[in-house]
Amino acid sequence: MAFERMALNTDIQVDALYTVHYFEYRSDFDFPGERHDFWEFQYLDKGNAEVRTDDGTHLLGSGQAIFHKPNEFHTLSAAEKSAPIVIVASFECHSPAMKFFEKRLLTFSDSERNLLGQLIAEARHCLASPLDDPYLQKMQTRPDSMFGAQQLMGMYLEQLLISLIRRNTIPQLSVILPQTNSKAPSETYNQILFYLEEHIQETLTIAQICHDNLIGRSQLQTMFRERNGCGVMQFFLRMKIEYAKQLIRENQMNFTQISDFLGYSSIHYFSRQFKTITKMTPSEYSSSIQARSERGQ
């Protein structure tokens, strides 16, 4: 039987980067504005900022980003007497899917913030230009730049854009959610999935979930049992463990840090719940991943 080649589609392709900035503005900062023929987003890592565009005035809070399409006028000012910390990335992308980002103000999920953090970390490895100069117009690469650094910057940005489109059009496909069955999700169900993901670092109760999502306890439990075969708290536990597995694979935190990050009261409680779900301790899971990665060496 002859093999048939499957060409891979590229739904989002970043062709070039113009700027990658990470800096803290003064509380009286006021950038008068610009327009250019490439995409840009401004992300608030801390504080508040006011952005003026052709479409109006927008107030950004921590964890939010606003996208500017090519040739859209935009400004940036500190707001509410805060000294905002801002990440700005501008890039060339002609993919039709970018239309999704026109006039968009989006809140990043934790996994998307991680991708943005990886982009900034790779920029520090790659660029000789300072990341804290908001007026820089030409980035310079380091002569000792790590292998693949520029490509990884583009890949992290593409992955971030793909994640934002997926999560805001098909919320149930979030990367840290356990698999659900094929029953069509309702708007309320999608809303609660997003709520659980945004509160993944907290210790939630059914009462709190019901209150914050304006839903009755019985309706909530029935909704999750019909789709997932378990109640909402068991589903939330599985979400936490899936996220813990992802963090273990990334190897950026130790088990105690992961336990604290996900809101567990102790490393022992975290380990017990991890083993209940995966049938392995965190250490056993980590070793199994390491063993698999070493087989190809």
C-alpha atoms as a PDB file:
ATOM      1  CA  MET A   1       0.000   0.000   0.000  1.00  0.00           C
ATOM      2  CA  ALA A   2       1.441   3.384  -1.000  1.00  0.00           C
ATOM      3  CA  PHE A   3       1.570   6.116   1.607  1.00  0.00           C
ATOM      4  CA  GLU A   4      -0.241   9.337   0.759  1.00  0.00           C
ATOM      5  CA  ARG A   5       1.187  12.658   1.788  1.00  0.00           C
ATOM      6  CA  MET A   6      -0.981  14.901   3.969  1.00  0.00           C
ATOM      7  CA  ALA A   7      -0.036  18.552   3.662  1.00  0.00           C
ATOM      8  CA  LEU A   8      -0.508  20.432   6.931  1.00  0.00           C
ATOM      9  CA  ASN A   9      -2.751  23.482   7.020  1.00  0.00           C
ATOM     10  CA  THR A  10      -1.380  26.656   8.583  1.00  0.00           C
ATOM     11  CA  ASP A  11      -4.311  28.598   9.998  1.00  0.00           C
ATOM     12  CA  ILE A  12      -2.161  31.248  11.704  1.00  0.00           C
ATOM     13  CA  GLN A  13       1.281  32.141  10.401  1.00  0.00           C
ATOM     14  CA  VAL A  14       3.392  34.931  11.885  1.00  0.00           C
ATOM     15  CA  ASP A  15       5.761  36.111   9.161  1.00  0.00           C
ATOM     16  CA  ALA A  16       7.774  38.699  11.100  1.00  0.00           C
ATOM     17  CA  LEU A  17       8.133  40.421  14.464  1.00  0.00           C
ATOM     18  CA  TYR A  18       8.559  44.185  14.760  1.00  0.00           C
ATOM     19  CA  THR A  19       8.648  44.721  18.518  1.00  0.00           C
ATOM     20  CA  VAL A  20       8.498  42.764  21.765  1.00  0.00           C
ATOM     21  CA  HIS A  21       8.394  45.014  24.835  1.00  0.00           C
ATOM     22  CA  TYR A  22       7.989  44.401  28.562  1.00  0.00           C
ATOM     23  CA  PHE A  23       8.171  47.515  30.706  1.00  0.00           C
ATOM     24  CA  GLU A  24       6.679  49.477  33.601  1.00  0.00           C
ATOM     25  CA  TYR A  25       5.240  52.868  32.776  1.00  0.00           C
ATOM     26  CA  ARG A  26       5.210  55.838  35.120  1.00  0.00           C
ATOM     27  CA  SER A  27       1.813  56.649  36.596  1.00  0.00           C
ATOM     28  CA  ASP A  28       1.675  59.794  34.428  1.00  0.00           C
ATOM     29  CA  PHE A  29       2.697  58.111  31.156  1.00  0.00           C
ATOM     30  CA  ASP A  30       0.758  59.176  28.061  1.00  0.00           C
ATOM     31  CA  PHE A  31       1.739  57.872  24.619  1.00  0.00           C
ATOM     32  CA  PRO A  32       0.171  60.181  22.001  1.00  0.00           C
ATOM     33  CA  GLY A  33      -0.530  57.412  19.522  1.00  0.00           C
ATOM     34  CA  GLU A  34       0.531  55.805  16.264  1.00  0.00           C
ATOM     35  CA  ARG A  35      -0.688  53.695  13.402  1.00  0.00           C
ATOM     36  CA  HIS A  36       1.296  51.160  11.348  1.00  0.00           C
ATOM     37  CA  ASP A  37       0.682  48.505   8.724  1.00  0.00           C
ATOM     38  CA  PHE A  38       1.058  45.466  11.000  1.00  0.00           C
ATOM     39  CA  TRP A  39      -0.738  43.896  13.979  1.00  0.00           C
ATOM     40  CA  GLU A  40      -0.106  44.807  17.609  1.00  0.00           C
ATOM     41  CA  PHE A  41      -1.463  43.809  20.995  1.00  0.00           C
ATOM     42  CA  GLN A  42      -1.026  45.518  24.357  1.00  0.00           C
ATOM     43  CA  TYR A  43      -1.291  43.267  27.426  1.00  0.00           C
ATOM     44  CA  LEU A  44      -1.616  44.567  30.993  1.00  0.00           C
ATOM     45  CA  ASP A  45       0.503  42.472  33.339  1.00  0.00           C
ATOM     46  CA  LYS A  46      -0.291  44.748  36.268  1.00  0.00           C
ATOM     47  CA  GLY A  47      -2.266  47.903  36.940  1.00  0.00           C
ATOM     48  CA  ASN A  48      -4.673  49.776  34.665  1.00  0.00           C
ATOM     49  CA  ALA A  49      -4.297  51.587  31.363  1.00  0.00           C
ATOM     50  CA  GLU A  50      -6.476  53.575  29.012  1.00  0.00           C
ATOM     51  CA  VAL A  51      -6.274  52.860  25.293  1.00  0.00           C
ATOM     52  CA  ARG A  52      -7.806  55.111  22.652  1.00  0.00           C
ATOM     53  CA  THR A  53      -8.453  53.741  19.168  1.00  0.00           C
ATOM     54  CA  ASP A  54     -10.436  54.655  16.073  1.00  0.00           C
ATOM     55  CA  ASP A  55     -13.269  52.734  17.738  1.00  0.00           C
ATOM     56  CA  GLY A  56     -13.308  54.615  21.062  1.00  0.00           C
ATOM     57  CA  THR A  57     -11.708  54.553  24.518  1.00  0.00           C
ATOM     58  CA  HIS A  58     -11.024  51.308  26.391  1.00  0.00           C
ATOM     59  CA  LEU A  59      -9.931  50.700  29.996  1.00  0.00           C
ATOM     60  CA  LEU A  60      -7.646  47.686  30.412  1.00  0.00           C
ATOM     61  CA  GLY A  61      -7.146  45.871  33.696  1.00  0.00           C
ATOM     62  CA  SER A  62      -4.604  43.297  34.795  1.00  0.00           C
ATOM     63  CA  GLY A  63      -4.676  40.174  32.610  1.00  0.00           C
ATOM     64  CA  GLN A  64      -6.390  41.863  29.663  1.00  0.00           C
ATOM     65  CA  ALA A  65      -5.113  42.612  26.165  1.00  0.00           C
ATOM     66  CA  ILE A  66      -6.367  44.713  23.290  1.00  0.00           C
ATOM     67  CA  PHE A  67      -5.544  43.956  19.644  1.00  0.00           C
ATOM     68  CA  HIS A  68      -4.989  46.561  16.942  1.00  0.00           C
ATOM     69  CA  LYS A  69      -5.344  45.621  13.294  1.00  0.00           C
ATOM     70  CA  PRO A  70      -3.009  47.108  10.668  1.00  0.00           C
ATOM     71  CA  ASN A  71      -3.406  50.879  10.214  1.00  0.00           C
ATOM     72  CA  GLU A  72      -5.617  51.260  13.291  1.00  0.00           C
ATOM     73  CA  PHE A  73      -4.732  54.318  15.354  1.00  0.00           C
ATOM     74  CA  HIS A  74      -4.027  53.560  19.038  1.00  0.00           C
ATOM     75  CA  THR A  75      -2.665  55.308  22.130  1.00  0.00           C
ATOM     76  CA  LEU A  76      -1.769  54.112  25.634  1.00  0.00           C
ATOM     77  CA  SER A  77      -1.944  56.004  28.928  1.00  0.00           C
ATOM     78  CA  ALA A  78      -1.594  55.048  32.566  1.00  0.00           C
ATOM     79  CA  ALA A  79      -4.966  55.054  34.320  1.00  0.00           C
ATOM     80  CA  GLU A  80      -6.274  55.412  37.862  1.00  0.00           C
ATOM     81  CA  LYS A  81      -2.881  56.664  39.120  1.00  0.00           C
ATOM     82  CA  SER A  82      -1.315  53.228  38.629  1.00  0.00           C
ATOM     83  CA  ALA A  83       2.097  52.491  37.132  1.00  0.00           C
ATOM     84  CA  PRO A  84       1.043  49.759  34.711  1.00  0.00           C
ATOM     85  CA  ILE A  85       3.341  46.973  33.572  1.00  0.00           C
ATOM     86  CA  VAL A  86       2.678  46.403  29.886  1.00  0.00           C
ATOM     87  CA  ILE A  87       3.696  43.802  27.322  1.00  0.00           C
ATOM     88  CA  VAL A  88       3.518  44.901  23.694  1.00  0.00           C
ATOM     89  CA  ALA A  89       4.073  42.637  20.699  1.00  0.00           C
ATOM     90  CA  SER A  90       3.737  43.797  17.117  1.00  0.00           C
ATOM     91  CA  PHE A  91       3.946  41.410  14.208  1.00  0.00           C
ATOM     92  CA  GLU A  92       3.144  40.715  10.573  1.00  0.00           C
ATOM     93  CA  CYS A  93       0.411  38.176   9.910  1.00  0.00           C
ATOM     94  CA  HIS A  94      -1.781  37.956   6.810  1.00  0.00           C
ATOM     95  CA  SER A  95      -3.818  34.901   7.853  1.00  0.00           C
ATOM     96  CA  PRO A  96      -7.584  35.388   7.311  1.00  0.00           C
ATOM     97  CA  ALA A  97      -8.206  34.048  10.821  1.00  0.00           C
ATOM     98  CA  MET A  98      -6.737  37.265  12.254  1.00  0.00           C
ATOM     99  CA  LYS A  99     -10.079  38.934  11.528  1.00  0.00           C
ATOM    100  CA  PHE A 100     -11.181  37.384  14.837  1.00  0.00           C
ATOM    101  CA  PHE A 101      -8.956  39.867  16.711  1.00  0.00           C
ATOM    102  CA  GLU A 102     -10.347  43.032  15.163  1.00  0.00           C
ATOM    103  CA  LYS A 103     -11.737  45.350  17.875  1.00  0.00           C
ATOM    104  CA  ARG A 104     -11.078  42.664  20.497  1.00  0.00           C
ATOM    105  CA  LEU A 105     -10.361  43.157  24.185  1.00  0.00           C
ATOM    106  CA  LEU A 106      -9.576  39.725  25.642  1.00  0.00           C
ATOM    107  CA  THR A 107      -8.761  38.287  29.053  1.00  0.00           C
ATOM    108  CA  PHE A 108      -5.904  35.764  28.923  1.00  0.00           C
ATOM    109  CA  SER A 109      -6.264  32.396  30.645  1.00  0.00           C
ATOM    110  CA  ASP A 110      -3.455  31.041  32.812  1.00  0.00           C
ATOM    111  CA  SER A 111      -2.139  28.827  30.012  1.00  0.00           C
ATOM    112  CA  GLU A 112      -2.128  31.834  27.660  1.00  0.00           C
ATOM    113  CA  ARG A 113      -0.215  33.884  30.206  1.00  0.00           C
ATOM    114  CA  ASN A 114       2.309  31.038  30.321  1.00  0.00           C
ATOM    115  CA  LEU A 115       2.715  31.220  26.536  1.00  0.00           C
ATOM    116  CA  LEU A 116       3.227  34.964  26.738  1.00  0.00           C
ATOM    117  CA  GLY A 117       5.806  34.403  29.459  1.00  0.00           C
ATOM    118  CA  GLN A 118       7.633  31.895  27.244  1.00  0.00           C
ATOM    119  CA  LEU A 119       7.644  34.428  24.406  1.00  0.00           C
ATOM    120  CA  ILE A 120       9.206  37.066  26.675  1.00  0.00           C
ATOM    121  CA  ALA A 121      11.759  34.572  28.041  1.00  0.00           C
ATOM    122  CA  GLU A 122      12.769  33.571  24.511  1.00  0.00           C
ATOM    123  CA  ALA A 123      13.025  37.242  23.518  1.00  0.00           C
ATOM    124  CA  ARG A 124      15.505  37.785  26.344  1.00  0.00           C
ATOM    125  CA  HIS A 125      17.593  34.893  24.989  1.00  0.00           C
ATOM    126  CA  CYS A 126      17.356  36.183  21.422  1.00  0.00           C
ATOM    127  CA  LEU A 127      17.457  39.976  21.492  1.00  0.00           C
ATOM    128  CA  ALA A 128      20.292  42.350  22.293  1.00  0.00           C
ATOM    129  CA  SER A 129      17.840  45.260  22.263  1.00  0.00           C
ATOM    130  CA  PRO A 130      16.348  46.194  25.657  1.00  0.00           C
ATOM    131  CA  LEU A 131      12.792  44.995  26.230  1.00  0.00           C
ATOM    132  CA  ASP A 132      11.959  48.024  28.382  1.00  0.00           C
ATOM    133  CA  ASP A 133      12.259  50.712  25.687  1.00  0.00           C
ATOM    134  CA  PRO A 134       8.708  51.509  24.465  1.00  0.00           C
ATOM    135  CA  TYR A 135      10.068  53.717  21.672  1.00  0.00           C
ATOM    136  CA  LEU A 136      12.385  51.105  20.141  1.00  0.00           C
ATOM    137  CA  GLN A 137      11.640  50.645  16.438  1.00  0.00           C
ATOM    138  CA  LYS A 138      14.275  48.120  15.390  1.00  0.00           C
ATOM    139  CA  MET A 139      15.170  45.016  17.365  1.00  0.00           C
ATOM    140  CA  GLN A 140      18.745  43.733  17.299  1.00  0.00           C
ATOM    141  CA  THR A 141      19.516  40.041  17.747  1.00  0.00           C
ATOM    142  CA  ARG A 142      22.247  38.773  20.040  1.00  0.00           C
ATOM    143  CA  PRO A 143      25.311  37.350  18.289  1.00  0.00           C
ATOM    144  CA  ASP A 144      25.185  34.396  20.675  1.00  0.00           C
ATOM    145  CA  SER A 145      21.434  33.871  20.260  1.00  0.00           C
ATOM    146  CA  MET A 146      20.372  30.333  21.104  1.00  0.00           C
ATOM    147  CA  PHE A 147      19.580  27.904  18.314  1.00  0.00           C
ATOM    148  CA  GLY A 148      15.975  28.210  17.157  1.00  0.00           C
ATOM    149  CA  ALA A 149      15.241  31.258  19.335  1.00  0.00           C
ATOM    150  CA  GLN A 150      13.616  33.351  16.611  1.00  0.00           C
ATOM    151  CA  GLN A 151      11.543  30.409  15.423  1.00  0.00           C
ATOM    152  CA  LEU A 152      10.352  29.691  18.962  1.00  0.00           C
ATOM    153  CA  MET A 153       9.310  33.316  19.418  1.00  0.00           C
ATOM    154  CA  GLY A 154       7.111  33.000  16.344  1.00  0.00           C
ATOM    155  CA  MET A 155       5.773  29.611  17.439  1.00  0.00           C
ATOM    156  CA  TYR A 156       4.850  30.822  20.942  1.00  0.00           C
ATOM    157  CA  LEU A 157       3.043  33.790  19.413  1.00  0.00           C
ATOM    158  CA  GLU A 158       1.206  31.576  16.922  1.00  0.00           C
ATOM    159  CA  GLN A 159       0.229  29.159  19.696  1.00  0.00           C
ATOM    160  CA  LEU A 160      -1.045  32.067  21.789  1.00  0.00           C
ATOM    161  CA  LEU A 161      -3.193  33.366  18.925  1.00  0.00           C
ATOM    162  CA  ILE A 162      -4.570  29.882  18.214  1.00  0.00           C
ATOM    163  CA  SER A 163      -5.405  29.358  21.898  1.00  0.00           C
ATOM    164  CA  LEU A 164      -7.250  32.685  22.112  1.00  0.00           C
ATOM    165  CA  ILE A 165      -9.341  31.879  19.039  1.00  0.00           C
ATOM    166  CA  ARG A 166     -10.128  28.354  20.243  1.00  0.00           C
ATOM    167  CA  ARG A 167     -11.014  29.340  23.780  1.00  0.00           C
ATOM    168  CA  ASN A 168     -13.231  32.223  22.744  1.00  0.00           C
ATOM    169  CA  THR A 169     -15.069  30.309  20.010  1.00  0.00           C
ATOM    170  CA  ILE A 170     -15.007  26.725  21.346  1.00  0.00           C
ATOM    171  CA  PRO A 171     -14.483  27.062  25.143  1.00  0.00           C
ATOM    172  CA  GLN A 172     -14.845  23.325  25.825  1.00  0.00           C
ATOM    173  CA  LEU A 173     -11.612  22.646  23.904  1.00  0.00           C
ATOM    174  CA  SER A 174      -9.395  24.401  26.475  1.00  0.00           C
ATOM    175  CA  VAL A 175      -6.081  22.566  26.770  1.00  0.00           C
ATOM    176  CA  ILE A 176      -6.385  21.836  30.490  1.00  0.00           C
ATOM    177  CA  LEU A 177      -9.926  20.470  30.462  1.00  0.00           C
ATOM    178  CA  PRO A 178     -10.496  16.719  30.759  1.00  0.00           C
ATOM    179  CA  GLN A 179     -12.321  15.117  27.853  1.00  0.00           C
ATOM    180  CA  THR A 180     -16.105  15.295  27.793  1.00  0.00           C
ATOM    181  CA  ASN A 181     -18.613  13.233  25.855  1.00  0.00           C
ATOM    182  CA  SER A 182     -20.182  14.301  22.591  1.00  0.00           C
ATOM    183  CA  LYS A 183     -23.343  15.886  24.023  1.00  0.00           C
ATOM    184  CA  ALA A 184     -23.673  19.396  22.614  1.00  0.00           C
ATOM    185  CA  PRO A 185     -22.603  21.978  25.211  1.00  0.00           C
ATOM    186  CA  SER A 186     -24.918  24.794  26.185  1.00  0.00           C
ATOM    187  CA  GLU A 187     -23.931  28.424  26.624  1.00  0.00           C
ATOM    188  CA  THR A 188     -24.269  28.033  30.394  1.00  0.00           C
ATOM    189  CA  TYR A 189     -22.080  24.931  30.387  1.00  0.00           C
ATOM    190  CA  ASN A 190     -19.390  26.739  28.360  1.00  0.00           C
ATOM    191  CA  GLN A 191     -19.568  29.678  30.749  1.00  0.00           C
ATOM    192  CA  ILE A 192     -18.979  27.394  33.732  1.00  0.00           C
ATOM    193  CA  LEU A 193     -16.076  25.612  32.004  1.00  0.00           C
ATOM    194  CA  PHE A 194     -14.407  28.966  31.474  1.00  0.00           C
ATOM    195  CA  TYR A 195     -15.165  29.948  35.083  1.00  0.00           C
ATOM    196  CA  LEU A 196     -13.549  26.752  36.405  1.00  0.00           C
ATOM    197  CA  GLU A 197     -10.453  27.291  34.269  1.00  0.00           C
ATOM    198  CA  GLU A 198     -10.087  30.888  35.447  1.00  0.00           C
ATOM    199  CA  HIS A 199     -10.335  29.706  39.092  1.00  0.00           C
ATOM    200  CA  ILE A 200      -8.065  26.675  38.692  1.00  0.00           C
ATOM    201  CA  GLN A 201      -5.696  28.015  41.387  1.00  0.00           C
ATOM    202  CA  GLU A 202      -8.469  28.332  43.975  1.00  0.00           C
ATOM    203  CA  THR A 203     -10.416  26.020  46.286  1.00  0.00           C
ATOM    204  CA  LEU A 204     -13.996  26.279  45.067  1.00  0.00           C
ATOM    205  CA  THR A 205     -17.249  25.036  46.604  1.00  0.00           C
ATOM    206  CA  ILE A 206     -20.462  24.085  44.828  1.00  0.00           C
ATOM    207  CA  ALA A 207     -22.200  26.991  46.570  1.00  0.00           C
ATOM    208  CA  GLN A 208     -19.615  29.433  45.222  1.00  0.00           C
ATOM    209  CA  ILE A 209     -19.878  28.051  41.663  1.00  0.00           C
ATOM    210  CA  CYS A 210     -23.670  28.294  41.788  1.00  0.00           C
ATOM    211  CA  HIS A 211     -23.629  31.826  43.184  1.00  0.00           C
ATOM    212  CA  ASP A 212     -21.092  33.184  40.698  1.00  0.00           C
ATOM    213  CA  ASN A 213     -22.806  31.579  37.690  1.00  0.00           C
ATOM    214  CA  LEU A 214     -26.447  32.157  38.721  1.00  0.00           C
ATOM    215  CA  ILE A 215     -27.376  28.469  38.547  1.00  0.00           C
ATOM    216  CA  GLY A 216     -29.104  26.095  40.952  1.00  0.00           C
ATOM    217  CA  ARG A 217     -27.178  23.282  42.612  1.00  0.00           C
ATOM    218  CA  SER A 218     -29.389  20.517  41.193  1.00  0.00           C
ATOM    219  CA  GLN A 219     -29.255  21.947  37.660  1.00  0.00           C
ATOM    220  CA  LEU A 220     -25.463  22.304  37.869  1.00  0.00           C
ATOM    221  CA  GLN A 221     -24.900  18.745  39.041  1.00  0.00           C
ATOM    222  CA  THR A 222     -27.294  17.293  36.468  1.00  0.00           C
ATOM    223  CA  MET A 223     -25.590  19.250  33.679  1.00  0.00           C
ATOM    224  CA  PHE A 224     -22.147  17.848  34.533  1.00  0.00           C
ATOM    225  CA  ARG A 225     -23.294  14.296  35.212  1.00  0.00           C
ATOM    226  CA  GLU A 226     -25.065  14.134  31.845  1.00  0.00           C
ATOM    227  CA  ARG A 227     -21.974  15.281  29.979  1.00  0.00           C
ATOM    228  CA  ASN A 228     -19.141  13.842  32.036  1.00  0.00           C
ATOM    229  CA  GLY A 229     -20.495  11.087  34.256  1.00  0.00           C
ATOM    230  CA  CYS A 230     -19.481  12.965  37.417  1.00  0.00           C
ATOM    231  CA  GLY A 231     -20.429  15.991  39.474  1.00  0.00           C
ATOM    232  CA  VAL A 232     -18.893  19.416  39.042  1.00  0.00           C
ATOM    233  CA  MET A 233     -16.452  19.081  41.967  1.00  0.00           C
ATOM    234  CA  GLN A 234     -15.063  15.794  40.651  1.00  0.00           C
ATOM    235  CA  PHE A 235     -14.741  17.423  37.229  1.00  0.00           C
ATOM    236  CA  PHE A 236     -12.890  20.385  38.788  1.00  0.00           C
ATOM    237  CA  LEU A 237     -10.541  17.963  40.560  1.00  0.00           C
ATOM    238  CA  ARG A 238      -9.774  16.277  37.230  1.00  0.00           C
ATOM    239  CA  MET A 239      -9.083  19.703  35.715  1.00  0.00           C
ATOM    240  CA  LYS A 240      -6.598  20.474  38.479  1.00  0.00           C
ATOM    241  CA  ILE A 241      -4.804  17.159  38.012  1.00  0.00           C
ATOM    242  CA  GLU A 242      -4.659  17.599  34.235  1.00  0.00           C
ATOM    243  CA  TYR A 243      -3.095  21.000  34.809  1.00  0.00           C
ATOM    244  CA  ALA A 244      -0.695  19.512  37.370  1.00  0.00           C
ATOM    245  CA  LYS A 245       0.398  16.931  34.779  1.00  0.00           C
ATOM    246  CA  GLN A 246       1.029  19.733  32.301  1.00  0.00           C
ATOM    247  CA  LEU A 247       3.132  21.630  34.861  1.00  0.00           C
ATOM    248  CA  ILE A 248       5.129  18.483  35.685  1.00  0.00           C
ATOM    249  CA  ARG A 249       5.852  17.965  31.983  1.00  0.00           C
ATOM    250  CA  GLU A 250       7.037  21.575  31.651  1.00  0.00           C
ATOM    251  CA  ASN A 251       9.475  20.965  34.538  1.00  0.00           C
ATOM    252  CA  GLN A 252       9.455  24.603  35.719  1.00  0.00           C
ATOM    253  CA  MET A 253       8.101  23.943  39.237  1.00  0.00           C
ATOM    254  CA  ASN A 254       8.742  21.308  41.875  1.00  0.00           C
ATOM    255  CA  PHE A 255       5.843  19.331  43.356  1.00  0.00           C
ATOM    256  CA  THR A 256       5.451  21.626  46.377  1.00  0.00           C
ATOM    257  CA  GLN A 257       5.269  24.686  44.116  1.00  0.00           C
ATOM    258  CA  ILE A 258       2.689  22.987  41.879  1.00  0.00           C
ATOM    259  CA  SER A 259       0.640  22.052  44.942  1.00  0.00           C
ATOM    260  CA  ASP A 260       0.695  25.654  46.201  1.00  0.00           C
ATOM    261  CA  PHE A 261       0.014  27.042  42.719  1.00  0.00           C
ATOM    262  CA  LEU A 262      -3.139  24.940  42.378  1.00  0.00           C
ATOM    263  CA  GLY A 263      -4.444  25.907  45.800  1.00  0.00           C
ATOM    264  CA  TYR A 264      -3.900  22.655  47.715  1.00  0.00           C
ATOM    265  CA  SER A 265      -3.580  22.886  51.482  1.00  0.00           C
ATOM    266  CA  SER A 266      -0.578  20.544  51.561  1.00  0.00           C
ATOM    267  CA  ILE A 267       1.724  18.573  49.276  1.00  0.00           C
ATOM    268  CA  HIS A 268       0.433  15.362  50.892  1.00  0.00           C
ATOM    269  CA  TYR A 269      -3.191  16.136  50.005  1.00  0.00           C
ATOM    270  CA  PHE A 270      -2.135  17.034  46.468  1.00  0.00           C
ATOM    271  CA  SER A 271      -0.202  13.779  46.104  1.00  0.00           C
ATOM    272  CA  ARG A 272      -3.159  11.706  47.341  1.00  0.00           C
ATOM    273  CA  GLN A 273      -5.555  13.334  44.896  1.00  0.00           C
ATOM    274  CA  PHE A 274      -3.029  13.017  42.063  1.00  0.00           C
ATOM    275  CA  LYS A 275      -2.672   9.286  42.701  1.00  0.00           C
ATOM    276  CA  THR A 276      -6.437   8.827  42.976  1.00  0.00           C
ATOM    277  CA  ILE A 277      -6.899  10.240  39.478  1.00  0.00           C
ATOM    278  CA  THR A 278      -3.778   8.991  37.673  1.00  0.00           C
ATOM    279  CA  LYS A 279      -2.975   5.817  39.655  1.00  0.00           C
ATOM    280  CA  MET A 280       0.568   7.219  40.017  1.00  0.00           C
ATOM    281  CA  THR A 281       2.254   9.536  42.465  1.00  0.00           C
ATOM    282  CA  PRO A 282       3.543  12.841  41.049  1.00  0.00           C
ATOM    283  CA  SER A 283       7.063  11.438  41.272  1.00  0.00           C
ATOM    284  CA  GLU A 284       6.097   8.274  39.382  1.00  0.00           C
ATOM    285  CA  TYR A 285       4.366  10.328  36.709  1.00  0.00           C
ATOM    286  CA  SER A 286       7.385  12.598  36.346  1.00  0.00           C
ATOM    287  CA  SER A 287       9.696   9.608  35.982  1.00  0.00           C
ATOM    288  CA  SER A 288       7.457   8.022  33.374  1.00  0.00           C
ATOM    289  CA  ILE A 289       7.515  11.178  31.262  1.00  0.00           C
ATOM    290  CA  GLN A 290      11.271  11.423  31.634  1.00  0.00           C
ATOM    291  CA  ALA A 291      11.709   7.801  30.623  1.00  0.00           C
ATOM    292  CA  ARG A 292       9.607   8.272  27.496  1.00  0.00           C
ATOM    293  CA  SER A 293      11.540  11.365  26.468  1.00  0.00           C
ATOM    294  CA  GLU A 294      14.853   9.566  26.886  1.00  0.00           C
ATOM    295  CA  ARG A 295      13.888   6.609  24.688  1.00  0.00           C
ATOM    296  CA  GLY A 296      14.432   8.607  21.503  1.00  0.00           C
ATOM    297  CA  GLN A 297      17.943   9.751  22.476  1.00  0.00           C
END
